Amino acid sequence: MRTVVILAWMVILAVGLHAQDRRHEGMVMVPGRTFTMGSTGVGEPRNEKPAHRVTVSSFWMDATEVTNAQFAAFVAATKYVTVAERPVDWEVLRTQVPAGTPRPPDSVLQPGSLVFRMPPEGTPTTDVSAWWEWTIGANWKHPEGPGSNIDARMDHPVVHIAYDDAEAYARWAGKRLPTEAEWELAALAGAEDARFTWGDRLPTEADSVANIWQGSFPWKNTQRDGYITTAPVRSYRPNALGLYDMAGNVWEWCSDLYRADAYEAAARTSKRTPVDPTGPTTSWDPNEEVATITKHVIRGGSYLCHVSYCESYRVRARRGESPDTGMGHLGFRCVVRH
């Protein structure tokens, strides 16, 4: 009898372990620890300071950014329609633009997203509208707009993904979006302090440590690494934990609301080291014309980042985007705690 019970328990245990293996398939364990979050570097942006100690429990993270193939499976199973594929609601949009902005014609309020268009040589980097173009018909299936497709890019990260889209996929997959603290811990890959996910060595035009801009931003990309936009996941060496593209390729959504002064508030109010922090309860971006816009954190930089303009492929770099934003360099990856 005891033998039967033990054998039965072993079967149950084996089934449980197999289910766990499936749940963590394609993921990497990130060991929890207490670490210093934020930047201490001279000249680094104020929104990365002050550096402060946080504790993060162990968790599992997708080894790669979610790909077109993975997102296509989600859409096929759920019939989900992304934000970029839905008609634009002017009543919602008007709350995100300066007061008095006239209503655009209906021909403009059509489903679409922001697409990067290389501007003429000499274009100043002070006006992002010089290279971002609202493109009707641009979405995850048509990254550059009508006429483009992802047929040969199923192993590339999915793009034109708004925050709600990323959350919907994560729920379907039984996962969630990472907190900002989890993301930074994973990018550090075991180091206490590192400028980049691979260490402190500066990237050069001669090597390919990440899918970032090569040439003169924003008007000349030498494509030395072979990619002018996204690259297939796993195209570059992983970090020490086995995570790919924690720098460059596409920006990644985090669950935290974005406040430019979040670290200042954390340092001011935390008497003890916070455990598994989830970020502020409100959003604030001093560079935003409309103060009421809610933003979430994005991390990791993208193929458009270059040291001369945006070195946001640094581990500590952070910025915020409104949750309905979709762009040709914005994607995500997921995590689970157990």
Protein backbone atom coordinates (compact mmCIF):
# COMPACT_ATOMS: atom_id res chain seq x y z
CA MET A 1 0.00 0.00 0.00
CA ARG A 2 2.78 2.41 0.97
CA THR A 3 4.53 1.67 -2.32
CA VAL A 4 1.37 2.53 -4.27
CA VAL A 5 0.96 5.80 -2.35
CA ILE A 6 4.60 6.76 -2.91
CA LEU A 7 4.37 5.93 -6.62
CA ALA A 8 1.17 7.94 -6.91
CA TRP A 9 2.82 10.88 -5.18
CA MET A 10 5.81 10.64 -7.53
CA VAL A 11 3.46 10.77 -10.52
CA ILE A 12 1.67 13.80 -9.10
CA LEU A 13 5.00 15.48 -8.40
CA ALA A 14 6.29 14.72 -11.88
CA VAL A 15 3.13 16.12 -13.47
CA GLY A 16 3.43 19.23 -11.33
CA LEU A 17 7.06 19.75 -12.24
CA HIS A 18 6.26 19.21 -15.93
CA ALA A 19 3.49 21.82 -15.74
CA GLN A 20 5.90 24.20 -14.02
CA ASP A 21 8.49 23.60 -16.75
CA ARG A 22 5.90 24.46 -19.39
CA ARG A 23 4.89 27.59 -17.52
CA HIS A 24 8.52 28.75 -17.44
CA GLU A 25 9.34 27.67 -20.97
CA GLY A 26 11.36 30.35 -22.72
CA MET A 27 11.96 32.18 -19.42
CA VAL A 28 15.00 32.82 -17.25
CA MET A 29 15.16 32.80 -13.46
CA VAL A 30 16.29 36.15 -12.05
CA PRO A 31 17.61 35.63 -8.49
CA GLY A 32 16.25 38.09 -5.99
CA ARG A 33 18.52 40.37 -3.95
CA THR A 34 18.95 43.83 -2.50
CA PHE A 35 20.62 46.20 -4.94
CA THR A 36 21.16 49.87 -5.70
CA MET A 37 18.56 51.15 -8.12
CA GLY A 38 19.16 54.34 -10.06
CA SER A 39 22.19 56.26 -11.23
CA THR A 40 25.14 57.80 -9.39
CA GLY A 41 26.87 58.96 -12.57
CA VAL A 42 27.76 62.61 -13.07
CA GLY A 43 25.72 64.07 -15.89
CA GLU A 44 23.08 61.34 -15.93
CA PRO A 45 19.44 62.54 -16.11
CA ARG A 46 17.79 63.71 -12.91
CA ASN A 47 14.92 61.23 -13.33
CA GLU A 48 17.42 58.41 -12.58
CA LYS A 49 18.46 59.91 -9.24
CA PRO A 50 19.08 59.57 -6.41
CA ALA A 51 20.32 55.99 -6.32
CA HIS A 52 18.54 54.06 -3.57
CA ARG A 53 18.46 50.52 -2.19
CA VAL A 54 15.57 48.18 -2.99
CA THR A 55 14.93 44.48 -2.45
CA VAL A 56 13.40 42.37 -5.19
CA SER A 57 12.29 38.74 -4.77
CA SER A 58 13.24 36.07 -7.29
CA PHE A 59 11.13 35.90 -10.45
CA TRP A 60 11.09 34.49 -13.97
CA MET A 61 11.45 36.73 -17.01
CA ASP A 62 10.94 36.04 -20.72
CA ALA A 63 14.35 35.41 -22.24
CA THR A 64 13.36 37.54 -25.23
CA GLU A 65 10.97 40.29 -26.10
CA VAL A 66 7.56 38.96 -27.16
CA THR A 67 7.78 38.14 -30.87
CA ASN A 68 5.36 38.59 -33.74
CA ALA A 69 4.79 34.84 -33.77
CA GLN A 70 3.89 34.78 -30.08
CA PHE A 71 1.60 37.79 -30.38
CA ALA A 72 -0.05 36.28 -33.47
CA ALA A 73 -0.87 33.16 -31.44
CA PHE A 74 -2.51 35.37 -28.80
CA VAL A 75 -4.58 37.23 -31.40
CA ALA A 76 -5.63 33.97 -33.08
CA ALA A 77 -6.81 32.57 -29.75
CA THR A 78 -8.60 35.67 -28.47
CA LYS A 79 -9.48 37.79 -31.56
CA TYR A 80 -7.86 40.70 -29.75
CA VAL A 81 -7.70 44.02 -31.59
CA THR A 82 -4.79 46.29 -30.66
CA VAL A 83 -5.14 49.97 -29.87
CA ALA A 84 -3.44 50.90 -33.16
CA GLU A 85 -6.14 48.96 -35.05
CA ARG A 86 -9.05 50.77 -33.38
CA PRO A 87 -10.67 54.04 -34.54
CA VAL A 88 -9.31 57.13 -32.79
CA ASP A 89 -11.74 58.53 -30.19
CA TRP A 90 -11.48 62.33 -30.31
CA GLU A 91 -13.12 62.68 -26.89
CA VAL A 92 -10.24 60.70 -25.41
CA LEU A 93 -7.58 62.30 -27.59
CA ARG A 94 -8.61 65.84 -26.73
CA THR A 95 -7.67 65.21 -23.06
CA GLN A 96 -4.11 64.48 -24.19
CA VAL A 97 -3.47 67.58 -26.28
CA PRO A 98 -3.18 71.27 -25.26
CA ALA A 99 -6.49 73.01 -24.57
CA GLY A 100 -7.95 74.63 -27.65
CA THR A 101 -6.45 72.16 -30.11
CA PRO A 102 -8.93 71.95 -33.01
CA ARG A 103 -10.54 68.62 -33.84
CA PRO A 104 -8.74 66.94 -36.76
CA PRO A 105 -10.86 65.87 -39.73
CA ASP A 106 -12.35 62.38 -39.68
CA SER A 107 -9.91 61.36 -42.42
CA VAL A 108 -7.09 61.77 -39.88
CA LEU A 109 -8.89 60.11 -36.95
CA GLN A 110 -8.33 56.66 -38.39
CA PRO A 111 -6.55 53.62 -36.92
CA GLY A 112 -2.81 54.02 -37.10
CA SER A 113 0.44 54.48 -35.22
CA LEU A 114 3.73 56.37 -35.22
CA VAL A 115 6.33 55.29 -37.78
CA PHE A 116 9.95 56.44 -37.96
CA ARG A 117 10.84 58.18 -41.22
CA MET A 118 14.49 59.07 -41.77
CA PRO A 119 14.69 62.87 -42.15
CA PRO A 120 17.05 64.87 -44.39
CA GLU A 121 20.71 65.19 -43.39
CA GLY A 122 21.30 67.98 -40.90
CA THR A 123 17.86 67.72 -39.28
CA PRO A 124 18.23 68.96 -35.67
CA THR A 125 17.47 66.49 -32.88
CA THR A 126 15.37 69.01 -30.97
CA ASP A 127 12.11 68.19 -32.77
CA VAL A 128 11.04 64.54 -32.74
CA SER A 129 8.17 65.34 -35.12
CA ALA A 130 10.84 65.59 -37.84
CA TRP A 131 11.16 61.81 -37.84
CA TRP A 132 7.97 60.44 -36.28
CA GLU A 133 5.00 60.35 -38.63
CA TRP A 134 1.42 59.41 -37.76
CA THR A 135 0.70 56.68 -40.31
CA ILE A 136 -2.83 55.45 -40.93
CA GLY A 137 -2.82 51.67 -41.21
CA ALA A 138 0.39 51.16 -39.26
CA ASN A 139 0.07 48.47 -36.58
CA TRP A 140 1.75 45.28 -35.39
CA LYS A 141 0.90 43.44 -38.63
CA HIS A 142 1.99 46.37 -40.82
CA PRO A 143 4.96 47.98 -38.99
CA GLU A 144 5.72 50.60 -41.66
CA GLY A 145 2.10 51.09 -42.68
CA PRO A 146 0.02 49.73 -45.58
CA GLY A 147 2.10 47.63 -47.93
CA SER A 148 4.44 46.37 -45.20
CA ASN A 149 4.02 43.06 -43.38
CA ILE A 150 5.69 40.74 -40.89
CA ASP A 151 5.80 37.61 -43.05
CA ALA A 152 9.59 37.48 -42.83
CA ARG A 153 9.71 38.93 -39.33
CA MET A 154 7.87 36.42 -37.17
CA ASP A 155 10.95 36.08 -34.95
CA HIS A 156 11.26 39.86 -34.52
CA PRO A 157 9.81 41.62 -31.46
CA VAL A 158 6.22 42.72 -31.94
CA VAL A 159 5.92 46.53 -32.16
CA HIS A 160 3.21 49.22 -32.19
CA ILE A 161 2.08 47.76 -28.88
CA ALA A 162 0.24 50.04 -26.45
CA TYR A 163 0.33 49.39 -22.71
CA ASP A 164 -3.17 47.88 -22.73
CA ASP A 165 -2.12 45.51 -25.53
CA ALA A 166 0.90 44.32 -23.55
CA GLU A 167 -1.19 43.80 -20.42
CA ALA A 168 -3.82 41.86 -22.37
CA TYR A 169 -1.19 39.50 -23.79
CA ALA A 170 0.43 39.05 -20.37
CA ARG A 171 -2.89 38.08 -18.76
CA TRP A 172 -3.60 35.59 -21.55
CA ALA A 173 -0.16 34.05 -21.09
CA GLY A 174 -0.63 33.76 -17.32
CA LYS A 175 2.08 36.34 -16.73
CA ARG A 176 2.38 40.09 -16.07
CA LEU A 177 4.53 43.04 -17.04
CA PRO A 178 7.69 43.54 -14.96
CA THR A 179 7.96 46.24 -12.36
CA GLU A 180 10.64 48.82 -13.01
CA ALA A 181 12.72 47.41 -10.14
CA GLU A 182 12.46 43.89 -11.54
CA TRP A 183 13.47 45.11 -14.98
CA GLU A 184 16.55 46.94 -13.69
CA LEU A 185 17.64 43.98 -11.55
CA ALA A 186 17.37 41.69 -14.60
CA ALA A 187 19.33 44.13 -16.76
CA LEU A 188 22.14 44.32 -14.19
CA ALA A 189 22.49 40.54 -14.59
CA GLY A 190 24.12 39.97 -11.20
CA ALA A 191 26.34 43.06 -11.21
CA GLU A 192 26.03 45.57 -8.40
CA ASP A 193 26.77 48.47 -10.71
CA ALA A 194 27.11 48.38 -14.50
CA ARG A 195 26.50 51.01 -17.16
CA PHE A 196 25.19 48.50 -19.68
CA THR A 197 23.61 45.06 -19.43
CA TRP A 198 26.86 43.54 -20.76
CA GLY A 199 29.12 45.56 -18.41
CA ASP A 200 30.86 48.93 -18.64
CA ARG A 201 32.48 48.68 -22.07
CA LEU A 202 31.21 51.36 -24.42
CA PRO A 203 29.63 50.03 -27.63
CA THR A 204 31.46 50.91 -30.82
CA GLU A 205 30.61 51.02 -34.51
CA ALA A 206 32.87 47.99 -35.00
CA ASP A 207 30.99 45.56 -32.75
CA SER A 208 27.42 44.43 -32.31
CA VAL A 209 26.52 44.13 -28.65
CA ALA A 210 22.99 45.42 -29.16
CA ASN A 211 20.62 46.60 -31.88
CA ILE A 212 21.21 50.34 -31.62
CA TRP A 213 21.68 53.12 -34.18
CA GLN A 214 24.92 53.01 -36.14
CA GLY A 215 25.95 56.15 -37.99
CA SER A 216 24.65 59.70 -37.53
CA PHE A 217 21.27 59.98 -35.85
CA PRO A 218 18.65 60.57 -37.19
CA TRP A 219 19.52 60.88 -40.89
CA LYS A 220 22.12 58.16 -41.57
CA ASN A 221 22.14 54.54 -40.43
CA THR A 222 25.12 52.55 -41.75
CA GLN A 223 23.35 49.26 -40.94
CA ARG A 224 26.75 47.81 -40.05
CA ASP A 225 24.97 45.11 -38.03
CA GLY A 226 22.59 44.36 -40.90
CA TYR A 227 19.45 45.85 -39.34
CA ILE A 228 17.88 49.25 -39.86
CA THR A 229 14.86 48.58 -37.65
CA THR A 230 14.15 45.56 -35.43
CA ALA A 231 16.36 42.49 -35.38
CA PRO A 232 15.29 38.91 -34.75
CA VAL A 233 15.37 38.09 -31.04
CA ARG A 234 18.55 36.25 -30.00
CA SER A 235 20.56 38.04 -32.71
CA TYR A 236 22.96 39.41 -30.09
CA ARG A 237 24.73 37.83 -27.14
CA PRO A 238 22.56 37.52 -24.00
CA ASN A 239 23.57 39.09 -20.71
CA ALA A 240 25.03 37.02 -17.88
CA LEU A 241 21.57 35.75 -16.87
CA GLY A 242 20.71 34.60 -20.39
CA LEU A 243 18.36 37.49 -21.22
CA TYR A 244 18.44 38.84 -24.76
CA ASP A 245 17.97 42.45 -25.94
CA MET A 246 17.82 44.05 -22.51
CA ALA A 247 19.51 46.90 -24.40
CA GLY A 248 18.28 48.13 -27.76
CA ASN A 249 15.98 46.49 -30.32
CA VAL A 250 12.72 47.81 -28.81
CA TRP A 251 11.66 49.72 -25.72
CA GLU A 252 9.82 47.55 -23.17
CA TRP A 253 6.77 48.42 -21.09
CA CYS A 254 6.95 48.15 -17.29
CA SER A 255 3.94 48.11 -14.97
CA ASP A 256 4.96 51.18 -12.93
CA LEU A 257 3.42 54.57 -13.45
CA TYR A 258 6.05 57.06 -14.56
CA ARG A 259 7.05 60.01 -12.41
CA ALA A 260 10.19 61.96 -13.20
CA ASP A 261 10.69 62.48 -9.46
CA ALA A 262 9.85 58.92 -8.38
CA TYR A 263 13.34 58.23 -7.05
CA GLU A 264 13.47 61.50 -5.14
CA ALA A 265 10.18 60.61 -3.46
CA ALA A 266 11.40 57.07 -2.71
CA ALA A 267 14.59 58.35 -1.08
CA ARG A 268 12.66 60.97 0.89
CA THR A 269 9.92 58.74 2.28
CA SER A 270 11.53 55.29 2.64
CA LYS A 271 13.01 54.75 6.10
CA ARG A 272 13.58 51.07 5.34
CA THR A 273 14.63 49.32 2.17
CA PRO A 274 11.42 48.69 0.21
CA VAL A 275 10.66 45.10 -0.80
CA ASP A 276 9.27 44.49 -4.30
CA PRO A 277 8.33 48.13 -4.96
CA THR A 278 5.62 48.74 -7.54
CA GLY A 279 6.26 52.42 -8.21
CA PRO A 280 4.33 55.63 -7.53
CA THR A 281 0.55 55.92 -7.39
CA THR A 282 0.43 58.94 -9.69
CA SER A 283 2.14 59.98 -12.90
CA TRP A 284 4.08 63.16 -13.69
CA ASP A 285 6.32 64.22 -16.56
CA PRO A 286 7.58 67.83 -16.47
CA ASN A 287 8.33 67.67 -20.19
CA GLU A 288 4.70 66.93 -21.05
CA GLU A 289 2.56 69.86 -22.19
CA VAL A 290 -0.59 68.28 -20.76
CA ALA A 291 0.02 67.64 -17.08
CA THR A 292 -2.94 65.26 -16.71
CA ILE A 293 -1.59 62.60 -19.07
CA THR A 294 -0.90 59.31 -17.31
CA LYS A 295 2.28 57.54 -18.36
CA HIS A 296 3.91 54.18 -17.68
CA VAL A 297 7.61 53.46 -17.53
CA ILE A 298 9.44 52.07 -20.56
CA ARG A 299 12.96 50.67 -20.37
CA GLY A 300 15.87 49.40 -22.46
CA GLY A 301 16.11 51.80 -25.38
CA SER A 302 15.69 50.74 -29.00
CA TYR A 303 17.26 50.48 -32.43
CA LEU A 304 16.90 54.28 -32.65
CA CYS A 305 19.16 54.99 -29.66
CA HIS A 306 22.59 56.54 -30.26
CA VAL A 307 25.06 58.05 -27.80
CA SER A 308 24.84 61.41 -29.58
CA TYR A 309 21.11 61.70 -28.84
CA CYS A 310 19.63 58.91 -26.74
CA GLU A 311 21.89 56.58 -24.78
CA SER A 312 18.83 54.93 -23.27
CA TYR A 313 20.23 51.45 -23.76
CA ARG A 314 21.98 52.11 -20.42
CA VAL A 315 20.73 49.93 -17.54
CA ARG A 316 19.52 52.90 -15.48
CA ALA A 317 17.87 54.88 -18.29
CA ARG A 318 14.11 55.39 -17.92
CA ARG A 319 11.31 57.36 -19.52
CA GLY A 320 7.53 57.35 -19.70
CA GLU A 321 4.91 56.94 -22.42
CA SER A 322 1.14 57.31 -22.39
CA PRO A 323 -0.62 53.92 -22.26
CA ASP A 324 -2.27 54.32 -25.66
CA THR A 325 1.04 55.05 -27.40
CA GLY A 326 2.14 52.65 -30.11
CA MET A 327 5.35 53.14 -32.04
CA GLY A 328 7.59 51.17 -34.36
CA HIS A 329 10.16 50.67 -31.61
CA LEU A 330 7.97 49.84 -28.63
CA GLY A 331 7.32 46.28 -27.43
CA PHE A 332 7.48 44.29 -24.19
CA ARG A 333 8.38 41.09 -22.34
CA CYS A 334 6.68 39.39 -19.40
CA VAL A 335 7.49 37.97 -15.97
CA VAL A 336 6.01 35.57 -13.40
CA ARG A 337 6.88 35.28 -9.72
CA HIS A 338 6.25 31.53 -9.23
